[in-house]
């Protein structure tokens, strides 16, 4: 992208994991440089914050010195240089430190359910309900916190869990009315 967009940025965002290398010869090999084909080489500097993970220690090809960047890394074009059939693109890297891990994404619905139970308990406590009366909600929360997070991504299971929490709240209300 040669022309800045409406935010004065030239570049884009890599939505998946981005693999790179610290070894220019390896990058040139993968880019196909030195062949009859045209090639593009992205050059970037890692900083103290905007860094990738060094995969050399677990790679089948440790000599490639592979670095892996997280999804949603931003790449801003700073300069272009053409050398024969090779286009060298100087990139400013900006790693998204706010991106969720896969575990966090998977457990979002579980956290939502736990927050619902916490909200129900907090509202009842604020209304003066004794802690021992909240036992059904406390048990549901304990069970939900130890459940497999993937289960909450199934709509019917999430709905059932939510209904159980709301039914527990109703049973607490009924117990309070009967004891009054």
N, C-alpha and C. Protein backbone atom coordinates (compact mmCIF):
# COMPACT_ATOMS: atom_id res chain seq x y z
N UNK A 1 0.85 -1.17 0.00
CA UNK A 1 0.00 0.00 0.00
C UNK A 1 0.89 1.23 0.00
N UNK A 2 0.86 2.01 -1.04
CA UNK A 2 1.71 3.19 -1.16
C UNK A 2 1.05 4.45 -0.62
N UNK A 3 -0.25 4.50 -0.64
CA UNK A 3 -0.98 5.70 -0.23
C UNK A 3 -1.54 5.46 1.17
N UNK A 4 -1.31 6.39 2.10
CA UNK A 4 -1.88 6.21 3.44
C UNK A 4 -3.40 6.17 3.40
N UNK A 5 -3.99 5.40 4.32
CA UNK A 5 -5.44 5.35 4.41
C UNK A 5 -5.94 6.58 5.18
N UNK A 6 -7.22 6.59 5.53
CA UNK A 6 -7.80 7.77 6.18
C UNK A 6 -7.20 8.03 7.57
N UNK A 7 -6.50 7.03 8.15
CA UNK A 7 -5.83 7.20 9.44
C UNK A 7 -4.34 7.50 9.27
N UNK A 8 -3.94 7.78 8.01
CA UNK A 8 -2.55 8.08 7.65
C UNK A 8 -1.63 6.88 7.88
N UNK A 9 -2.16 5.68 7.67
CA UNK A 9 -1.39 4.45 7.84
C UNK A 9 -1.23 3.76 6.50
N UNK A 10 -0.03 3.24 6.26
CA UNK A 10 0.24 2.43 5.07
C UNK A 10 0.59 1.04 5.59
N UNK A 11 -0.26 0.07 5.35
CA UNK A 11 0.01 -1.27 5.84
C UNK A 11 -1.25 -2.06 6.04
N UNK A 12 -1.21 -2.95 7.00
CA UNK A 12 -2.37 -3.79 7.26
C UNK A 12 -2.18 -4.58 8.54
N UNK A 13 -3.09 -5.55 8.75
CA UNK A 13 -3.07 -6.38 9.94
C UNK A 13 -3.03 -7.84 9.50
N UNK A 14 -2.15 -8.61 10.11
CA UNK A 14 -2.09 -10.06 9.86
C UNK A 14 -3.06 -10.71 10.83
N UNK A 15 -4.09 -11.34 10.30
CA UNK A 15 -5.14 -11.91 11.15
C UNK A 15 -4.73 -13.24 11.78
N UNK A 16 -3.81 -13.96 11.16
CA UNK A 16 -3.35 -15.24 11.71
C UNK A 16 -1.98 -15.09 12.33
N UNK A 17 -1.42 -16.23 12.75
CA UNK A 17 -0.05 -16.21 13.24
C UNK A 17 0.88 -15.85 12.09
N UNK A 18 1.94 -15.13 12.37
CA UNK A 18 2.88 -14.71 11.34
C UNK A 18 4.26 -15.26 11.69
N UNK A 19 4.81 -16.04 10.77
CA UNK A 19 6.11 -16.63 10.95
C UNK A 19 7.17 -15.78 10.26
N UNK A 20 8.29 -15.59 10.93
CA UNK A 20 9.40 -14.82 10.36
C UNK A 20 10.71 -15.51 10.77
N UNK A 21 11.80 -14.98 10.32
CA UNK A 21 13.10 -15.53 10.68
C UNK A 21 14.05 -14.39 11.00
N UNK A 22 15.04 -14.71 11.84
CA UNK A 22 16.09 -13.76 12.16
C UNK A 22 17.23 -13.84 11.13
N UNK A 23 17.19 -14.85 10.28
CA UNK A 23 18.26 -15.11 9.32
C UNK A 23 17.84 -14.63 7.92
N UNK A 24 18.48 -13.60 7.42
CA UNK A 24 18.10 -13.03 6.12
C UNK A 24 18.23 -14.06 5.00
N UNK A 25 19.22 -14.94 5.06
CA UNK A 25 19.39 -15.97 4.00
C UNK A 25 18.18 -16.90 3.95
N UNK A 26 17.64 -17.26 5.11
CA UNK A 26 16.45 -18.12 5.16
C UNK A 26 15.26 -17.37 4.56
N UNK A 27 15.10 -16.11 4.92
CA UNK A 27 14.01 -15.30 4.37
C UNK A 27 14.12 -15.20 2.85
N UNK A 28 15.34 -14.97 2.36
CA UNK A 28 15.55 -14.86 0.91
C UNK A 28 15.21 -16.19 0.22
N UNK A 29 15.55 -17.29 0.85
CA UNK A 29 15.24 -18.61 0.28
C UNK A 29 13.72 -18.79 0.16
N UNK A 30 12.97 -18.49 1.25
CA UNK A 30 11.52 -18.65 1.22
C UNK A 30 10.86 -17.66 0.27
N UNK A 31 11.44 -16.49 0.12
CA UNK A 31 10.88 -15.49 -0.79
C UNK A 31 11.14 -15.86 -2.25
N UNK A 32 12.05 -16.78 -2.47
CA UNK A 32 12.37 -17.18 -3.84
C UNK A 32 13.35 -16.24 -4.51
N UNK A 33 14.06 -15.46 -3.72
CA UNK A 33 15.02 -14.51 -4.28
C UNK A 33 16.15 -15.28 -4.96
N UNK A 34 16.68 -14.71 -6.02
CA UNK A 34 17.77 -15.34 -6.75
C UNK A 34 17.29 -16.28 -7.83
N UNK A 35 15.97 -16.43 -7.96
CA UNK A 35 15.40 -17.24 -9.03
C UNK A 35 14.89 -16.28 -10.10
N UNK A 36 14.23 -16.83 -11.06
CA UNK A 36 13.66 -16.00 -12.13
C UNK A 36 12.41 -15.25 -11.67
N UNK A 37 11.86 -15.66 -10.52
CA UNK A 37 10.62 -15.05 -10.03
C UNK A 37 10.90 -13.73 -9.31
N UNK A 38 9.89 -12.89 -9.30
CA UNK A 38 9.95 -11.69 -8.48
C UNK A 38 9.70 -12.10 -7.04
N UNK A 39 10.29 -11.37 -6.10
CA UNK A 39 10.16 -11.75 -4.68
C UNK A 39 9.94 -10.49 -3.83
N UNK A 40 9.29 -10.72 -2.71
CA UNK A 40 9.07 -9.65 -1.74
C UNK A 40 9.69 -10.10 -0.42
N UNK A 41 10.46 -9.23 0.19
CA UNK A 41 11.09 -9.50 1.48
C UNK A 41 10.64 -8.43 2.46
N UNK A 42 10.04 -8.85 3.56
CA UNK A 42 9.63 -7.92 4.61
C UNK A 42 10.74 -7.85 5.64
N UNK A 43 11.22 -6.67 5.91
CA UNK A 43 12.24 -6.46 6.94
C UNK A 43 11.59 -5.70 8.08
N UNK A 44 11.77 -6.20 9.30
CA UNK A 44 11.19 -5.54 10.47
C UNK A 44 12.14 -5.65 11.64
N UNK A 45 12.05 -4.71 12.52
CA UNK A 45 12.85 -4.72 13.74
C UNK A 45 11.92 -5.03 14.91
N UNK A 46 12.35 -5.96 15.76
CA UNK A 46 11.58 -6.23 16.98
C UNK A 46 12.06 -5.27 18.06
N UNK A 47 11.13 -4.78 18.85
CA UNK A 47 11.48 -3.91 19.98
C UNK A 47 11.30 -4.67 21.28
N UNK A 48 11.36 -3.96 22.37
CA UNK A 48 11.19 -4.58 23.69
C UNK A 48 9.75 -5.08 23.88
N UNK A 49 8.79 -4.40 23.28
CA UNK A 49 7.39 -4.77 23.43
C UNK A 49 6.90 -5.56 22.23
N UNK A 50 7.18 -5.05 21.06
CA UNK A 50 6.70 -5.67 19.82
C UNK A 50 7.65 -6.77 19.39
N UNK A 51 7.49 -7.93 20.01
CA UNK A 51 8.37 -9.05 19.72
C UNK A 51 7.54 -10.31 19.47
N UNK A 52 8.19 -11.24 18.80
CA UNK A 52 7.58 -12.54 18.58
C UNK A 52 8.23 -13.56 19.50
N UNK A 53 7.74 -14.79 19.40
CA UNK A 53 8.28 -15.88 20.21
C UNK A 53 9.30 -16.65 19.40
N UNK A 54 10.46 -16.88 19.99
CA UNK A 54 11.52 -17.64 19.33
C UNK A 54 11.15 -19.13 19.39
N UNK A 55 10.98 -19.73 18.23
CA UNK A 55 10.58 -21.15 18.16
C UNK A 55 11.76 -22.08 17.87
N UNK A 56 12.96 -21.54 17.81
CA UNK A 56 14.13 -22.36 17.47
C UNK A 56 14.28 -23.57 18.37
N UNK A 57 14.00 -23.41 19.64
CA UNK A 57 14.21 -24.48 20.61
C UNK A 57 13.29 -25.69 20.39
N UNK A 58 12.19 -25.50 19.67
CA UNK A 58 11.29 -26.64 19.44
C UNK A 58 11.08 -26.95 17.96
N UNK A 59 11.80 -26.26 17.12
CA UNK A 59 11.62 -26.41 15.68
C UNK A 59 12.34 -27.64 15.14
N UNK A 60 11.76 -28.23 14.11
CA UNK A 60 12.42 -29.30 13.38
C UNK A 60 13.62 -28.75 12.61
N UNK A 61 13.58 -27.43 12.34
CA UNK A 61 14.64 -26.76 11.60
C UNK A 61 15.18 -25.59 12.44
N UNK A 62 15.88 -25.85 13.54
CA UNK A 62 16.33 -24.76 14.42
C UNK A 62 17.26 -23.77 13.72
N UNK A 63 17.94 -24.20 12.69
CA UNK A 63 18.86 -23.30 11.97
C UNK A 63 18.10 -22.17 11.25
N UNK A 64 16.78 -22.32 11.08
CA UNK A 64 16.00 -21.27 10.42
C UNK A 64 15.72 -20.09 11.35
N UNK A 65 15.94 -20.27 12.66
CA UNK A 65 15.77 -19.20 13.64
C UNK A 65 14.39 -18.54 13.53
N UNK A 66 13.35 -19.38 13.55
CA UNK A 66 11.98 -18.91 13.35
C UNK A 66 11.46 -18.13 14.55
N UNK A 67 10.78 -17.06 14.22
CA UNK A 67 10.09 -16.22 15.20
C UNK A 67 8.61 -16.22 14.82
N UNK A 68 7.74 -16.40 15.80
CA UNK A 68 6.30 -16.43 15.54
C UNK A 68 5.63 -15.24 16.22
N UNK A 69 4.84 -14.50 15.44
CA UNK A 69 4.12 -13.35 15.96
C UNK A 69 2.65 -13.70 16.13
N UNK A 70 2.04 -13.10 17.13
CA UNK A 70 0.64 -13.37 17.46
C UNK A 70 -0.30 -12.84 16.38
N UNK A 71 -1.49 -13.43 16.31
CA UNK A 71 -2.50 -12.88 15.39
C UNK A 71 -2.78 -11.42 15.72
N UNK A 72 -3.22 -10.69 14.73
CA UNK A 72 -3.58 -9.28 14.82
C UNK A 72 -2.35 -8.37 14.99
N UNK A 73 -1.21 -8.84 14.50
CA UNK A 73 -0.02 -7.98 14.47
C UNK A 73 -0.20 -6.99 13.32
N UNK A 74 0.07 -5.73 13.62
CA UNK A 74 -0.07 -4.68 12.60
C UNK A 74 1.28 -4.48 11.90
N UNK A 75 1.21 -4.29 10.59
CA UNK A 75 2.40 -4.08 9.78
C UNK A 75 2.24 -2.76 9.05
N UNK A 76 3.08 -1.80 9.38
CA UNK A 76 3.01 -0.49 8.73
C UNK A 76 4.22 -0.34 7.80
N UNK A 77 3.94 -0.06 6.55
CA UNK A 77 5.01 0.10 5.56
C UNK A 77 5.70 1.43 5.80
N UNK A 78 7.01 1.37 6.00
CA UNK A 78 7.79 2.59 6.21
C UNK A 78 8.53 3.00 4.94
N UNK A 79 9.05 1.99 4.22
CA UNK A 79 9.84 2.31 3.04
C UNK A 79 9.86 1.11 2.12
N UNK A 80 9.90 1.37 0.83
CA UNK A 80 10.03 0.33 -0.19
C UNK A 80 11.36 0.54 -0.92
N UNK A 81 12.01 -0.59 -1.23
CA UNK A 81 13.25 -0.53 -1.99
C UNK A 81 13.22 -1.67 -3.00
N UNK A 82 13.53 -1.38 -4.24
CA UNK A 82 13.53 -2.40 -5.28
C UNK A 82 14.98 -2.66 -5.69
N UNK A 83 15.33 -3.95 -5.67
CA UNK A 83 16.67 -4.37 -6.06
C UNK A 83 16.51 -5.49 -7.10
N UNK A 84 16.47 -5.12 -8.37
CA UNK A 84 16.22 -6.10 -9.44
C UNK A 84 14.81 -6.62 -9.32
N UNK A 85 14.68 -7.95 -9.14
CA UNK A 85 13.35 -8.56 -9.00
C UNK A 85 12.94 -8.72 -7.54
N UNK A 86 13.73 -8.14 -6.65
CA UNK A 86 13.46 -8.22 -5.21
C UNK A 86 12.92 -6.88 -4.72
N UNK A 87 11.74 -6.93 -4.08
CA UNK A 87 11.16 -5.76 -3.45
C UNK A 87 11.34 -5.91 -1.94
N UNK A 88 12.09 -5.01 -1.35
CA UNK A 88 12.33 -5.05 0.10
C UNK A 88 11.42 -4.03 0.74
N UNK A 89 10.57 -4.50 1.65
CA UNK A 89 9.60 -3.65 2.33
C UNK A 89 10.02 -3.50 3.78
N UNK A 90 10.37 -2.28 4.17
CA UNK A 90 10.73 -1.97 5.56
C UNK A 90 9.42 -1.80 6.32
N UNK A 91 9.22 -2.64 7.34
CA UNK A 91 7.96 -2.70 8.08
C UNK A 91 8.17 -2.25 9.52
N UNK A 92 7.22 -1.48 10.00
CA UNK A 92 7.16 -1.19 11.44
C UNK A 92 6.13 -2.14 12.02
N UNK A 93 6.55 -2.90 12.99
CA UNK A 93 5.71 -3.94 13.58
C UNK A 93 5.04 -3.42 14.84
N UNK A 94 3.78 -3.78 15.02
CA UNK A 94 3.05 -3.43 16.23
C UNK A 94 2.24 -4.65 16.64
N UNK A 95 2.69 -5.32 17.70
CA UNK A 95 2.04 -6.55 18.15
C UNK A 95 0.86 -6.20 19.05
N UNK A 96 -0.27 -6.84 18.80
CA UNK A 96 -1.48 -6.60 19.58
C UNK A 96 -1.36 -7.36 20.90
N UNK A 97 -1.06 -6.62 21.96
CA UNK A 97 -0.92 -7.25 23.27
C UNK A 97 -2.27 -7.47 23.94
N UNK A 98 -3.34 -6.97 23.33
CA UNK A 98 -4.67 -7.12 23.91
C UNK A 98 -5.41 -8.34 23.36
N UNK A 99 -4.81 -9.00 22.36
CA UNK A 99 -5.47 -10.16 21.77
C UNK A 99 -5.60 -11.26 22.81
N UNK A 100 -6.74 -11.90 22.82
CA UNK A 100 -6.99 -12.99 23.76
C UNK A 100 -6.27 -14.25 23.33
N UNK A 101 -5.87 -15.05 24.31
CA UNK A 101 -5.34 -16.37 24.01
C UNK A 101 -6.50 -17.27 23.61
N UNK A 102 -6.20 -18.39 22.98
CA UNK A 102 -7.27 -19.31 22.58
C UNK A 102 -8.04 -19.80 23.80
N UNK A 103 -7.35 -20.00 24.92
CA UNK A 103 -8.01 -20.44 26.15
C UNK A 103 -8.99 -19.38 26.64
N UNK A 104 -8.60 -18.11 26.52
CA UNK A 104 -9.48 -17.03 26.95
C UNK A 104 -10.70 -16.92 26.04
N UNK A 105 -10.51 -17.13 24.76
CA UNK A 105 -11.64 -17.09 23.82
C UNK A 105 -12.61 -18.21 24.13
N UNK A 106 -12.08 -19.41 24.33
CA UNK A 106 -12.93 -20.58 24.60
C UNK A 106 -13.71 -20.41 25.90
N UNK A 107 -13.10 -19.77 26.90
CA UNK A 107 -13.75 -19.68 28.21
C UNK A 107 -14.60 -18.42 28.39
N UNK A 108 -14.80 -17.63 27.33
CA UNK A 108 -15.60 -16.40 27.45
C UNK A 108 -17.02 -16.68 27.94
N UNK A 109 -17.67 -17.68 27.39
CA UNK A 109 -19.05 -17.97 27.77
C UNK A 109 -19.11 -18.49 29.21
N UNK A 110 -18.12 -19.26 29.61
CA UNK A 110 -18.08 -19.73 31.00
C UNK A 110 -17.94 -18.53 31.94
N UNK A 111 -17.05 -17.60 31.61
CA UNK A 111 -16.88 -16.40 32.44
C UNK A 111 -18.18 -15.60 32.50
N UNK A 112 -18.88 -15.53 31.37
CA UNK A 112 -20.16 -14.82 31.33
C UNK A 112 -21.15 -15.47 32.30
N UNK A 113 -21.19 -16.78 32.30
CA UNK A 113 -22.11 -17.50 33.20
C UNK A 113 -21.72 -17.27 34.66
N UNK A 114 -20.42 -17.34 34.96
CA UNK A 114 -19.97 -17.11 36.33
C UNK A 114 -20.29 -15.68 36.78
N UNK A 115 -20.18 -14.74 35.87
CA UNK A 115 -20.53 -13.35 36.20
C UNK A 115 -22.02 -13.21 36.48
N UNK A 116 -22.85 -13.95 35.75
CA UNK A 116 -24.29 -13.93 36.01
C UNK A 116 -24.57 -14.42 37.43
N UNK A 117 -23.96 -15.54 37.80
CA UNK A 117 -24.18 -16.08 39.16
C UNK A 117 -23.68 -15.08 40.20
N UNK A 118 -22.51 -14.47 39.96
CA UNK A 118 -21.99 -13.47 40.91
C UNK A 118 -22.96 -12.29 41.04
N UNK A 119 -23.52 -11.86 39.92
CA UNK A 119 -24.48 -10.75 39.94
C UNK A 119 -25.73 -11.12 40.75
N UNK A 120 -26.25 -12.32 40.54
CA UNK A 120 -27.42 -12.76 41.30
C UNK A 120 -27.12 -12.79 42.79
N UNK A 121 -25.95 -13.33 43.15
CA UNK A 121 -25.57 -13.39 44.57
C UNK A 121 -25.38 -11.99 45.16
N UNK A 122 -24.71 -11.12 44.41
CA UNK A 122 -24.47 -9.76 44.90
C UNK A 122 -25.78 -9.01 45.13
N UNK A 123 -26.71 -9.16 44.21
CA UNK A 123 -28.02 -8.50 44.36
C UNK A 123 -28.76 -9.02 45.59
N UNK A 124 -28.69 -10.33 45.81
CA UNK A 124 -29.37 -10.90 46.98
C UNK A 124 -28.68 -10.46 48.28
N UNK A 125 -27.36 -10.45 48.29
CA UNK A 125 -26.63 -9.98 49.48
C UNK A 125 -26.98 -8.52 49.78
N UNK A 126 -27.02 -7.69 48.72
CA UNK A 126 -27.35 -6.27 48.89
C UNK A 126 -28.75 -6.11 49.48
N UNK A 127 -29.65 -7.03 49.15
CA UNK A 127 -31.02 -6.98 49.67
C UNK A 127 -31.10 -7.53 51.09
N UNK A 128 -29.96 -7.99 51.63
CA UNK A 128 -29.95 -8.46 53.02
C UNK A 128 -30.18 -9.95 53.19
N UNK A 129 -30.12 -10.72 52.12
CA UNK A 129 -30.33 -12.16 52.23
C UNK A 129 -29.13 -12.78 52.95
N UNK A 130 -29.36 -13.60 53.97
CA UNK A 130 -28.25 -14.23 54.69
C UNK A 130 -27.41 -15.14 53.76
N UNK A 131 -26.14 -15.18 54.03
CA UNK A 131 -25.20 -15.93 53.19
C UNK A 131 -25.58 -17.41 53.10
N UNK A 132 -26.03 -18.00 54.21
CA UNK A 132 -26.36 -19.44 54.19
C UNK A 132 -27.52 -19.75 53.25
N UNK A 133 -28.38 -18.78 52.98
CA UNK A 133 -29.51 -18.98 52.08
C UNK A 133 -29.04 -19.01 50.62
N UNK A 134 -27.87 -18.46 50.35
CA UNK A 134 -27.33 -18.40 48.99
C UNK A 134 -26.64 -19.69 48.57
N UNK A 135 -26.70 -20.72 49.42
CA UNK A 135 -25.98 -21.97 49.15
C UNK A 135 -26.27 -22.57 47.77
N UNK A 136 -27.52 -22.58 47.28
CA UNK A 136 -27.75 -23.15 45.95
C UNK A 136 -26.97 -22.43 44.84
N UNK A 137 -26.91 -21.11 44.91
CA UNK A 137 -26.15 -20.36 43.91
C UNK A 137 -24.65 -20.59 44.08
N UNK A 138 -24.20 -20.67 45.33
CA UNK A 138 -22.78 -20.92 45.57
C UNK A 138 -22.36 -22.30 45.02
N UNK A 139 -23.22 -23.28 45.18
CA UNK A 139 -22.92 -24.62 44.66
C UNK A 139 -22.89 -24.61 43.13
N UNK A 140 -23.84 -23.91 42.52
CA UNK A 140 -23.84 -23.80 41.06
C UNK A 140 -22.58 -23.12 40.55
N UNK A 141 -22.14 -22.08 41.26
CA UNK A 141 -20.93 -21.37 40.84
C UNK A 141 -19.71 -22.27 40.95
N UNK A 142 -19.61 -23.01 42.03
CA UNK A 142 -18.49 -23.92 42.22
C UNK A 142 -18.46 -24.98 41.12
N UNK A 143 -19.62 -25.53 40.82
CA UNK A 143 -19.71 -26.55 39.76
C UNK A 143 -19.33 -25.94 38.39
N UNK A 144 -19.84 -24.76 38.10
CA UNK A 144 -19.56 -24.11 36.81
C UNK A 144 -18.09 -23.73 36.68
N UNK A 145 -17.47 -23.32 37.78
CA UNK A 145 -16.07 -22.91 37.71
C UNK A 145 -15.14 -24.08 37.46
N UNK A 146 -15.59 -25.29 37.80
CA UNK A 146 -14.78 -26.50 37.57
C UNK A 146 -15.17 -27.26 36.31
N UNK A 147 -16.19 -26.77 35.62
CA UNK A 147 -16.66 -27.44 34.40
C UNK A 147 -15.71 -27.14 33.23
N UNK A 148 -15.81 -27.95 32.20
CA UNK A 148 -15.03 -27.74 30.98
C UNK A 148 -15.55 -26.48 30.28
N UNK A 149 -14.70 -25.48 30.04
CA UNK A 149 -15.15 -24.23 29.41
C UNK A 149 -15.83 -24.44 28.05
N UNK A 150 -15.44 -25.48 27.34
CA UNK A 150 -16.02 -25.74 26.01
C UNK A 150 -17.51 -26.03 26.12
N UNK A 151 -17.94 -26.63 27.25
CA UNK A 151 -19.36 -26.95 27.42
C UNK A 151 -20.24 -25.70 27.34
N UNK A 152 -19.72 -24.56 27.77
CA UNK A 152 -20.51 -23.34 27.78
C UNK A 152 -20.64 -22.73 26.39
N UNK A 153 -19.89 -23.25 25.42
CA UNK A 153 -20.00 -22.78 24.04
C UNK A 153 -21.08 -23.52 23.26
N UNK A 154 -21.69 -24.50 23.89
CA UNK A 154 -22.83 -25.21 23.30
C UNK A 154 -24.09 -24.49 23.79
N UNK A 155 -24.83 -23.91 22.88
CA UNK A 155 -25.96 -23.04 23.24
C UNK A 155 -26.94 -23.71 24.21
N UNK A 156 -27.28 -24.95 23.97
CA UNK A 156 -28.26 -25.62 24.83
C UNK A 156 -27.71 -25.81 26.25
N UNK A 157 -26.43 -26.11 26.37
CA UNK A 157 -25.83 -26.28 27.71
C UNK A 157 -25.73 -24.94 28.43
N UNK A 158 -25.39 -23.89 27.68
CA UNK A 158 -25.32 -22.56 28.28
C UNK A 158 -26.70 -22.15 28.78
N UNK A 159 -27.72 -22.38 27.93
CA UNK A 159 -29.09 -22.04 28.31
C UNK A 159 -29.52 -22.82 29.55
N UNK A 160 -29.21 -24.12 29.60
CA UNK A 160 -29.57 -24.94 30.75
C UNK A 160 -28.90 -24.43 32.03
N UNK A 161 -27.62 -24.07 31.92
CA UNK A 161 -26.89 -23.56 33.08
C UNK A 161 -27.48 -22.24 33.56
N UNK A 162 -27.83 -21.39 32.61
CA UNK A 162 -28.43 -20.09 32.95
C UNK A 162 -29.79 -20.31 33.62
N UNK A 163 -30.59 -21.20 33.07
CA UNK A 163 -31.90 -21.49 33.66
C UNK A 163 -31.77 -22.04 35.07
N UNK A 164 -30.76 -22.89 35.30
CA UNK A 164 -30.55 -23.43 36.66
C UNK A 164 -30.22 -22.30 37.64
N UNK A 165 -29.41 -21.35 37.20
CA UNK A 165 -29.06 -20.23 38.07
C UNK A 165 -30.28 -19.39 38.39
N UNK A 166 -31.09 -19.11 37.36
CA UNK A 166 -32.31 -18.31 37.59
C UNK A 166 -33.32 -19.08 38.43
N UNK A 167 -33.42 -20.40 38.23
CA UNK A 167 -34.31 -21.23 39.06
C UNK A 167 -33.84 -21.23 40.52
N UNK A 168 -32.51 -21.24 40.73
CA UNK A 168 -31.98 -21.18 42.10
C UNK A 168 -32.34 -19.87 42.76
N UNK A 169 -32.27 -18.79 41.99
CA UNK A 169 -32.66 -17.49 42.53
C UNK A 169 -34.13 -17.52 42.92
N UNK A 170 -34.97 -18.10 42.06
CA UNK A 170 -36.41 -18.20 42.37
C UNK A 170 -36.64 -19.03 43.63
N UNK A 171 -35.91 -20.13 43.79
CA UNK A 171 -36.09 -20.97 44.98
C UNK A 171 -35.65 -20.23 46.24
N UNK A 172 -34.64 -19.38 46.12
CA UNK A 172 -34.21 -18.56 47.27
C UNK A 172 -35.32 -17.58 47.63
N UNK A 173 -35.92 -16.94 46.62
CA UNK A 173 -37.03 -16.02 46.88
C UNK A 173 -38.18 -16.76 47.58
N UNK A 174 -38.51 -17.96 47.10
CA UNK A 174 -39.61 -18.74 47.70
C UNK A 174 -39.29 -19.09 49.16
N UNK A 175 -38.03 -19.47 49.41
CA UNK A 175 -37.62 -19.81 50.78
C UNK A 175 -37.74 -18.61 51.70
N UNK A 176 -37.40 -17.43 51.19
CA UNK A 176 -37.49 -16.21 51.99
C UNK A 176 -38.94 -15.86 52.30
N UNK A 177 -39.81 -16.03 51.31
CA UNK A 177 -41.24 -15.73 51.49
C UNK A 177 -41.83 -16.69 52.53
N UNK A 178 -41.47 -17.97 52.44
CA UNK A 178 -42.02 -18.97 53.38
C UNK A 178 -41.53 -18.75 54.80
N UNK A 179 -40.30 -18.25 54.93
CA UNK A 179 -39.75 -18.04 56.28
C UNK A 179 -40.21 -16.74 56.91
N UNK A 180 -40.83 -15.87 56.11
CA UNK A 180 -41.25 -14.56 56.62
C UNK A 180 -42.58 -14.63 57.33
